[in-house]
Amino acid sequence: MIFDAEIAYNELYAHFGNLVRRNEPLARHCTFGVGGPADVWVSVDKPEDLVGLVTLCAERRWPLLITGNGTNVLYADAGVRGVVARVAINAYTLEERDAETAFLTVGAGISWPRIINELAPKGWGGLEFGPGIPGTLGGGVVSNAGVHGHDLGHVLEWVDIVDARQCEERAVAPTVVRYSHDELELSYRHSRFRAQRRVQFDGEGNPIAAPTN
């Protein structure tokens, strides 16, 4: 199926309004400041909107690339064909369990420096080993980010993920799956998600599925 960027833009704009842009320069969205245009760019700031976007792209058979803050990402000058969606889910809740412990639930799009700076004045720590890590906590989970002998695996209890693997073959809705700490296969700079990354691009910026072997 040929991707019609104008049709996709109009339909996504009806759902997401000004969060959708046409021919958005990807150089604006990565730390290296390089990259051509995305046919359609959308910023997603709610979990339910992310599920809805993936569902819509699966139904329409639109190419979809999910990204975060663009830390350590190099986009080609050709840009990316299809829809590029930034996960900007950055809300969080803090549940105090007792005087010394609390349970923090954060969106995948929140930046590491921000959450540290907002929790420290309240007297809470646990992530202070990573203020120099520029990416998002969601991205940090993928690589089990850390420094100085500490990593997210030391404080992470579970993650909810949008599993869209079945959408590659047929137009079905993705599923939201919760993985406990023990199911994440965490080790040095590794998680089960890093092992499963499969996105590649051809010379014109079209996302393609990488071989599974």
Foldseek 3Di string as FASTA:
>chain_A
DDDDLVVVQVVVCVVQPPQKDAFCACLVQAPVSDAGGERMEGEDADPVVVLVVLLVCLQVVWDEAEDESRYPHHYDNLHAYTYYYYHQHFDKDWADPDPQDIDIDTGQRHFLLVVQVVCVVVPDDDSVQPNVPGGGVNVQLAQQDGDDPDGVLVPAFKDWDFACPVSVVHNDGTDIDMDGSVQQCDDHRHTPNNLPDFWDADPNNYTDGHDPD
